[in-house]
Amino acid sequence: MQTLGTPLAIEMLLHFYCTSEPFLRQNAPACMETLRMLADSGLVKPDDREGRAMEGAFQTTERGASLVAMLCRTPLPISLWVDPRTGKVVDL
């Protein structure tokens, strides 16, 4: 199963979901590698819309937008209090 793998990949995917402006650190080696992975995975593509074809401009694909929607629907984690003596969850 393929994953985004790093917080940087999530940050870049969300960035290009919100804007097609180049990512601030886009020329850093880790960012270039991550952008290549996002593009190879079909999550982002060069922004070729009229008037936006600047160097480094990307946009999410339908697949990328679907992943962002999935991330937005991910439930927040919950925490439980467990009595270490019994291993049972403590009702608060």
N, C-alpha and C. Protein backbone atom coordinates (compact mmCIF):
# COMPACT_ATOMS: atom_id res chain seq x y z
N MET A 1 0.84 -1.18 0.00
CA MET A 1 0.00 0.00 0.00
C MET A 1 0.89 1.24 0.00
N GLN A 2 0.66 2.11 -0.94
CA GLN A 2 1.43 3.34 -1.03
C GLN A 2 0.87 4.37 -0.04
N THR A 3 1.76 5.11 0.62
CA THR A 3 1.34 6.16 1.56
C THR A 3 2.04 7.46 1.19
N LEU A 4 1.61 8.55 1.80
CA LEU A 4 2.29 9.82 1.59
C LEU A 4 3.67 9.80 2.23
N GLY A 5 3.81 9.10 3.33
CA GLY A 5 5.11 8.85 3.90
C GLY A 5 5.66 9.89 4.85
N THR A 6 5.44 11.17 4.59
CA THR A 6 6.03 12.19 5.45
C THR A 6 5.07 13.36 5.65
N PRO A 7 5.24 14.09 6.75
CA PRO A 7 4.46 15.32 6.93
C PRO A 7 4.71 16.33 5.80
N LEU A 8 5.93 16.33 5.25
CA LEU A 8 6.24 17.24 4.16
C LEU A 8 5.34 16.96 2.95
N ALA A 9 5.12 15.69 2.65
CA ALA A 9 4.26 15.34 1.51
C ALA A 9 2.83 15.82 1.76
N ILE A 10 2.35 15.66 2.99
CA ILE A 10 1.01 16.14 3.33
C ILE A 10 0.96 17.66 3.19
N GLU A 11 1.98 18.34 3.71
CA GLU A 11 2.03 19.81 3.63
C GLU A 11 2.02 20.28 2.18
N MET A 12 2.81 19.64 1.33
CA MET A 12 2.88 20.06 -0.07
C MET A 12 1.57 19.75 -0.80
N LEU A 13 0.97 18.60 -0.53
CA LEU A 13 -0.31 18.27 -1.16
C LEU A 13 -1.36 19.30 -0.78
N LEU A 14 -1.44 19.64 0.51
CA LEU A 14 -2.42 20.64 0.95
C LEU A 14 -2.11 22.01 0.35
N HIS A 15 -0.85 22.35 0.24
CA HIS A 15 -0.46 23.63 -0.37
C HIS A 15 -1.01 23.73 -1.79
N PHE A 16 -0.75 22.71 -2.60
CA PHE A 16 -1.20 22.76 -4.00
C PHE A 16 -2.70 22.57 -4.15
N TYR A 17 -3.35 22.06 -3.12
CA TYR A 17 -4.81 22.00 -3.11
C TYR A 17 -5.38 23.42 -2.94
N CYS A 18 -4.69 24.23 -2.13
CA CYS A 18 -5.16 25.58 -1.82
C CYS A 18 -4.72 26.63 -2.83
N THR A 19 -3.55 26.45 -3.42
CA THR A 19 -3.01 27.45 -4.34
C THR A 19 -2.08 26.77 -5.34
N SER A 20 -1.94 27.38 -6.50
CA SER A 20 -0.99 26.84 -7.47
C SER A 20 0.35 27.56 -7.41
N GLU A 21 0.49 28.48 -6.47
CA GLU A 21 1.77 29.18 -6.30
C GLU A 21 2.86 28.16 -5.96
N PRO A 22 4.09 28.39 -6.39
CA PRO A 22 5.17 27.48 -6.03
C PRO A 22 5.29 27.33 -4.51
N PHE A 23 5.62 26.13 -4.07
CA PHE A 23 5.85 25.86 -2.65
C PHE A 23 7.09 26.62 -2.23
N LEU A 24 7.07 27.23 -1.06
CA LEU A 24 8.15 28.12 -0.62
C LEU A 24 9.53 27.48 -0.71
N ARG A 25 9.66 26.24 -0.26
CA ARG A 25 10.97 25.56 -0.25
C ARG A 25 11.08 24.55 -1.40
N GLN A 26 10.38 24.79 -2.47
CA GLN A 26 10.24 23.83 -3.55
C GLN A 26 11.56 23.39 -4.18
N ASN A 27 12.59 24.22 -4.12
CA ASN A 27 13.87 23.86 -4.73
C ASN A 27 14.81 23.13 -3.78
N ALA A 28 14.39 22.93 -2.54
CA ALA A 28 15.19 22.15 -1.59
C ALA A 28 15.16 20.69 -2.03
N PRO A 29 16.26 19.97 -1.88
CA PRO A 29 16.31 18.58 -2.35
C PRO A 29 15.15 17.70 -1.83
N ALA A 30 14.82 17.79 -0.56
CA ALA A 30 13.73 16.96 -0.02
C ALA A 30 12.40 17.33 -0.66
N CYS A 31 12.19 18.62 -0.91
CA CYS A 31 10.94 19.07 -1.53
C CYS A 31 10.87 18.64 -2.99
N MET A 32 11.99 18.70 -3.69
CA MET A 32 12.01 18.27 -5.09
C MET A 32 11.69 16.78 -5.18
N GLU A 33 12.25 15.99 -4.29
CA GLU A 33 11.98 14.55 -4.27
C GLU A 33 10.51 14.27 -3.93
N THR A 34 9.99 15.02 -2.97
CA THR A 34 8.58 14.84 -2.58
C THR A 34 7.65 15.26 -3.69
N LEU A 35 7.95 16.35 -4.36
CA LEU A 35 7.11 16.81 -5.47
C LEU A 35 7.12 15.77 -6.60
N ARG A 36 8.26 15.19 -6.85
CA ARG A 36 8.36 14.13 -7.87
C ARG A 36 7.49 12.94 -7.48
N MET A 37 7.50 12.55 -6.20
CA MET A 37 6.69 11.44 -5.72
C MET A 37 5.20 11.77 -5.86
N LEU A 38 4.82 13.00 -5.50
CA LEU A 38 3.41 13.40 -5.62
C LEU A 38 2.95 13.37 -7.07
N ALA A 39 3.81 13.84 -7.97
CA ALA A 39 3.46 13.84 -9.40
C ALA A 39 3.42 12.41 -9.95
N ASP A 40 4.42 11.60 -9.60
CA ASP A 40 4.46 10.21 -10.08
C ASP A 40 3.28 9.40 -9.55
N SER A 41 2.75 9.79 -8.40
CA SER A 41 1.60 9.10 -7.81
C SER A 41 0.27 9.61 -8.35
N GLY A 42 0.34 10.62 -9.22
CA GLY A 42 -0.89 11.15 -9.80
C GLY A 42 -1.67 12.05 -8.86
N LEU A 43 -1.00 12.64 -7.87
CA LEU A 43 -1.68 13.50 -6.91
C LEU A 43 -1.61 14.97 -7.28
N VAL A 44 -0.55 15.38 -7.96
CA VAL A 44 -0.42 16.76 -8.44
C VAL A 44 0.06 16.74 -9.88
N LYS A 45 -0.16 17.85 -10.56
CA LYS A 45 0.32 18.00 -11.94
C LYS A 45 0.67 19.46 -12.15
N PRO A 46 1.52 19.76 -13.14
CA PRO A 46 1.82 21.16 -13.43
C PRO A 46 0.52 21.92 -13.73
N ASP A 47 0.43 23.13 -13.21
CA ASP A 47 -0.76 23.95 -13.42
C ASP A 47 -0.67 24.59 -14.79
N ASP A 48 -1.41 24.06 -15.74
CA ASP A 48 -1.35 24.58 -17.11
C ASP A 48 -2.59 25.41 -17.45
N ARG A 49 -3.34 25.81 -16.44
CA ARG A 49 -4.50 26.65 -16.71
C ARG A 49 -4.03 28.00 -17.25
N GLU A 50 -4.84 28.60 -18.08
CA GLU A 50 -4.48 29.87 -18.73
C GLU A 50 -4.09 30.91 -17.69
N GLY A 51 -2.97 31.55 -17.93
CA GLY A 51 -2.49 32.60 -17.04
C GLY A 51 -1.77 32.09 -15.80
N ARG A 52 -1.63 30.77 -15.65
CA ARG A 52 -1.00 30.22 -14.45
C ARG A 52 0.21 29.36 -14.75
N ALA A 53 0.67 29.38 -15.95
CA ALA A 53 1.76 28.48 -16.35
C ALA A 53 3.12 29.01 -15.92
N MET A 54 3.24 29.42 -14.67
CA MET A 54 4.53 29.88 -14.16
C MET A 54 5.37 28.69 -13.74
N GLU A 55 6.65 28.88 -13.73
CA GLU A 55 7.57 27.83 -13.32
C GLU A 55 7.28 27.42 -11.88
N GLY A 56 7.10 26.13 -11.67
CA GLY A 56 6.87 25.63 -10.32
C GLY A 56 5.43 25.65 -9.87
N ALA A 57 4.50 26.04 -10.75
CA ALA A 57 3.09 26.06 -10.37
C ALA A 57 2.50 24.67 -10.56
N PHE A 58 1.87 24.14 -9.52
CA PHE A 58 1.24 22.83 -9.57
C PHE A 58 -0.17 22.94 -9.03
N GLN A 59 -0.98 21.96 -9.37
CA GLN A 59 -2.33 21.86 -8.82
C GLN A 59 -2.61 20.39 -8.52
N THR A 60 -3.55 20.15 -7.62
CA THR A 60 -3.90 18.76 -7.34
C THR A 60 -4.72 18.20 -8.49
N THR A 61 -4.60 16.92 -8.69
CA THR A 61 -5.42 16.20 -9.66
C THR A 61 -6.72 15.79 -8.95
N GLU A 62 -7.61 15.15 -9.66
CA GLU A 62 -8.82 14.62 -9.00
C GLU A 62 -8.43 13.64 -7.90
N ARG A 63 -7.41 12.83 -8.18
CA ARG A 63 -6.94 11.87 -7.17
C ARG A 63 -6.41 12.60 -5.94
N GLY A 64 -5.62 13.66 -6.18
CA GLY A 64 -5.08 14.43 -5.06
C GLY A 64 -6.18 15.11 -4.26
N ALA A 65 -7.17 15.69 -4.95
CA ALA A 65 -8.28 16.34 -4.27
C ALA A 65 -9.09 15.32 -3.46
N SER A 66 -9.23 14.11 -3.98
CA SER A 66 -9.94 13.05 -3.25
C SER A 66 -9.18 12.68 -1.98
N LEU A 67 -7.86 12.65 -2.06
CA LEU A 67 -7.06 12.34 -0.88
C LEU A 67 -7.20 13.44 0.17
N VAL A 68 -7.20 14.70 -0.26
CA VAL A 68 -7.39 15.81 0.68
C VAL A 68 -8.76 15.68 1.35
N ALA A 69 -9.79 15.37 0.59
CA ALA A 69 -11.12 15.19 1.17
C ALA A 69 -11.11 14.05 2.19
N MET A 70 -10.41 12.97 1.88
CA MET A 70 -10.31 11.85 2.80
C MET A 70 -9.59 12.26 4.09
N LEU A 71 -8.51 13.04 3.96
CA LEU A 71 -7.80 13.52 5.14
C LEU A 71 -8.71 14.39 6.01
N CYS A 72 -9.53 15.21 5.37
CA CYS A 72 -10.44 16.09 6.11
C CYS A 72 -11.51 15.31 6.87
N ARG A 73 -11.85 14.12 6.39
CA ARG A 73 -12.87 13.29 7.04
C ARG A 73 -12.29 12.32 8.06
N THR A 74 -10.97 12.33 8.23
CA THR A 74 -10.33 11.42 9.18
C THR A 74 -10.70 11.84 10.60
N PRO A 75 -11.25 10.92 11.39
CA PRO A 75 -11.62 11.29 12.75
C PRO A 75 -10.39 11.60 13.60
N LEU A 76 -10.57 12.49 14.55
CA LEU A 76 -9.49 12.81 15.48
C LEU A 76 -9.28 11.63 16.42
N PRO A 77 -8.03 11.41 16.84
CA PRO A 77 -7.78 10.31 17.78
C PRO A 77 -8.43 10.63 19.13
N ILE A 78 -8.73 9.59 19.85
CA ILE A 78 -9.26 9.77 21.20
C ILE A 78 -8.26 9.19 22.18
N SER A 79 -8.33 9.68 23.40
CA SER A 79 -7.44 9.11 24.43
C SER A 79 -8.31 8.48 25.51
N LEU A 80 -7.79 7.47 26.09
CA LEU A 80 -8.48 6.76 27.15
C LEU A 80 -7.59 6.71 28.38
N TRP A 81 -8.23 6.72 29.54
CA TRP A 81 -7.49 6.53 30.78
C TRP A 81 -7.63 5.07 31.16
N VAL A 82 -6.49 4.45 31.41
CA VAL A 82 -6.47 3.03 31.75
C VAL A 82 -5.84 2.86 33.13
N ASP A 83 -6.51 2.10 33.96
CA ASP A 83 -5.97 1.79 35.28
C ASP A 83 -4.83 0.79 35.07
N PRO A 84 -3.58 1.17 35.37
CA PRO A 84 -2.45 0.28 35.10
C PRO A 84 -2.47 -1.00 35.94
N ARG A 85 -3.23 -0.97 37.03
CA ARG A 85 -3.28 -2.18 37.88
C ARG A 85 -4.15 -3.25 37.26
N THR A 86 -5.22 -2.80 36.57
CA THR A 86 -6.18 -3.78 36.04
C THR A 86 -6.20 -3.83 34.52
N GLY A 87 -5.69 -2.77 33.88
CA GLY A 87 -5.74 -2.70 32.43
C GLY A 87 -7.11 -2.30 31.90
N LYS A 88 -8.03 -1.95 32.80
CA LYS A 88 -9.38 -1.57 32.40
C LYS A 88 -9.47 -0.07 32.17
N VAL A 89 -10.32 0.31 31.21
CA VAL A 89 -10.57 1.72 30.93
C VAL A 89 -11.36 2.32 32.08
N VAL A 90 -10.92 3.49 32.53
CA VAL A 90 -11.56 4.18 33.65
C VAL A 90 -12.62 5.12 33.08
N ASP A 91 -13.85 5.00 33.56
CA ASP A 91 -14.91 5.92 33.15
C ASP A 91 -14.72 7.24 33.88
N LEU A 92 -14.82 8.32 33.15
CA LEU A 92 -14.68 9.65 33.77
C LEU A 92 -16.01 10.31 33.91
